[in-house]
C-alpha atoms as a PDB file:
ATOM      1  CA  MET A   1      -7.319  -8.567   5.272  1.00  0.00           C
ATOM      2  CA  SER A   2      -4.293  -8.655   2.425  1.00  0.00           C
ATOM      3  CA  GLY A   3      -0.868  -8.172   3.358  1.00  0.00           C
ATOM      4  CA  VAL A   4      -0.700  -4.519   2.781  1.00  0.00           C
ATOM      5  CA  ARG A   5      -3.444  -3.817   5.106  1.00  0.00           C
ATOM      6  CA  ILE A   6      -1.966  -6.334   7.466  1.00  0.00           C
ATOM      7  CA  HIS A   7       1.546  -3.719   6.858  1.00  0.00           C
ATOM      8  CA  GLU A   8      -0.697  -0.561   7.451  1.00  0.00           C
ATOM      9  CA  GLU A   9      -2.175  -1.958  10.713  1.00  0.00           C
ATOM     10  CA  LEU A  10       1.221  -3.233  12.181  1.00  0.00           C
ATOM     11  CA  ARG A  11       2.779  -0.207  11.616  1.00  0.00           C
ATOM     12  CA  LYS A  12      -0.104   2.336  12.609  1.00  0.00           C
ATOM     13  CA  GLU A  13       0.646  -0.349  15.837  1.00  0.00           C
ATOM     14  CA  GLY A  14       4.109   1.081  15.687  1.00  0.00           C
ATOM     15  CA  LEU A  15       6.276  -1.995  14.550  1.00  0.00           C
ATOM     16  CA  LYS A  16       9.311  -1.521  12.210  1.00  0.00           C
ATOM     17  CA  ILE A  17       8.156  -4.440  10.306  1.00  0.00           C
ATOM     18  CA  SER A  18       8.830  -4.013   5.588  1.00  0.00           C
ATOM     19  CA  TYR A  19       6.257  -5.593   3.757  1.00  0.00           C
ATOM     20  CA  PRO A  20       7.914  -7.994   2.248  1.00  0.00           C
ATOM     21  CA  SER A  21       8.439  -9.259   5.612  1.00  0.00           C
ATOM     22  CA  VAL A  22       4.758  -9.431   6.108  1.00  0.00           C
ATOM     23  CA  ALA A  23       3.922 -10.839   2.062  1.00  0.00           C
ATOM     24  CA  ARG A  24       6.274 -13.989   3.052  1.00  0.00           C
ATOM     25  CA  TYR A  25       4.437 -14.229   6.880  1.00  0.00           C
ATOM     26  CA  VAL A  26       1.090 -14.341   4.626  1.00  0.00           C
ATOM     27  CA  GLU A  27       2.277 -17.089   2.148  1.00  0.00           C
ATOM     28  CA  SER A  28       3.477 -19.183   4.949  1.00  0.00           C
ATOM     29  CA  ILE A  29       0.268 -19.656   6.031  1.00  0.00           C
ATOM     30  CA  LYS A  30      -2.179 -19.297   2.957  1.00  0.00           C
ATOM     31  CA  GLY A  31      -4.609 -22.389   2.974  1.00  0.00           C
ATOM     32  CA  LYS A  32      -4.371 -23.661   6.542  1.00  0.00           C
ATOM     33  CA  SER A  33      -7.313 -24.704   8.376  1.00  0.00           C
ATOM     34  CA  ASN A  34      -5.880 -23.168  12.308  1.00  0.00           C
ATOM     35  CA  VAL A  35      -5.036 -19.563  10.832  1.00  0.00           C
ATOM     36  CA  CYS A  36      -7.599 -17.894  13.203  1.00  0.00           C
ATOM     37  CA  VAL A  37      -8.307 -13.590  13.144  1.00  0.00           C
ATOM     38  CA  ARG A  38      -9.195 -12.227  16.062  1.00  0.00           C
ATOM     39  CA  PHE A  39     -10.884  -8.773  16.139  1.00  0.00           C
ATOM     40  CA  HIS A  40     -10.261  -6.062  18.489  1.00  0.00           C
ATOM     41  CA  MET A  41     -12.458  -4.155  19.074  1.00  0.00           C
ATOM     42  CA  GLU A  42     -13.753  -2.342  22.022  1.00  0.00           C
ATOM     43  CA  ALA A  43     -17.924  -3.671  23.139  1.00  0.00           C
ATOM     44  CA  GLY A  44     -20.706  -2.992  21.132  1.00  0.00           C
ATOM     45  CA  GLU A  45     -18.677  -1.404  19.085  1.00  0.00           C
ATOM     46  CA  GLU A  46     -19.420  -3.707  16.341  1.00  0.00           C
ATOM     47  CA  ALA A  47     -21.809  -6.324  14.920  1.00  0.00           C
ATOM     48  CA  GLN A  48     -21.057  -9.812  14.020  1.00  0.00           C
ATOM     49  CA  VAL A  49     -23.542 -12.076  11.549  1.00  0.00           C
ATOM     50  CA  ASP A  50     -22.728 -16.228  10.755  1.00  0.00           C
ATOM     51  CA  PHE A  51     -24.443 -16.873   7.875  1.00  0.00           C
ATOM     52  CA  GLY A  52     -23.739 -20.829   7.593  1.00  0.00           C
ATOM     53  CA  TYR A  53     -26.299 -23.555   7.147  1.00  0.00           C
ATOM     54  CA  VAL A  54     -26.684 -26.075   9.574  1.00  0.00           C
ATOM     55  CA  GLY A  55     -29.891 -28.319   7.464  1.00  0.00           C
ATOM     56  CA  LEU A  56     -33.419 -28.445   7.367  1.00  0.00           C
ATOM     57  CA  LEU A  57     -35.782 -27.992  10.412  1.00  0.00           C
ATOM     58  CA  PRO A  58     -39.963 -28.522  10.728  1.00  0.00           C
ATOM     59  CA  LYS A  59     -41.815 -24.431  10.182  1.00  0.00           C
ATOM     60  CA  LYS A  60     -44.667 -23.790  12.074  1.00  0.00           C
ATOM     61  CA  ASP A  61     -46.234 -25.316   9.164  1.00  0.00           C
ATOM     62  CA  GLY A  62     -45.302 -28.402   8.821  1.00  0.00           C
ATOM     63  CA  LYS A  63     -42.273 -27.833   5.889  1.00  0.00           C
ATOM     64  CA  LYS A  64     -38.599 -28.046   6.177  1.00  0.00           C
ATOM     65  CA  GLY A  65     -36.630 -24.738   6.393  1.00  0.00           C
ATOM     66  CA  LYS A  66     -33.105 -23.487   6.370  1.00  0.00           C
ATOM     67  CA  ALA A  67     -31.864 -22.994   9.828  1.00  0.00           C
END
């Protein structure tokens, strides 16, 4: 999510914050691996899929396929 979009969402929630403040914060956390983005959706409103790769597994025909 871009800094502009984050700023828009914060303003929509009623927080009075300047874009430069948001931009400085975003810059300070860029590249950190422990950053977590939370999705605030109602149950059943959105589905998510993880297209990760975990290796090869045997298929019914005996060949191996991506899992």
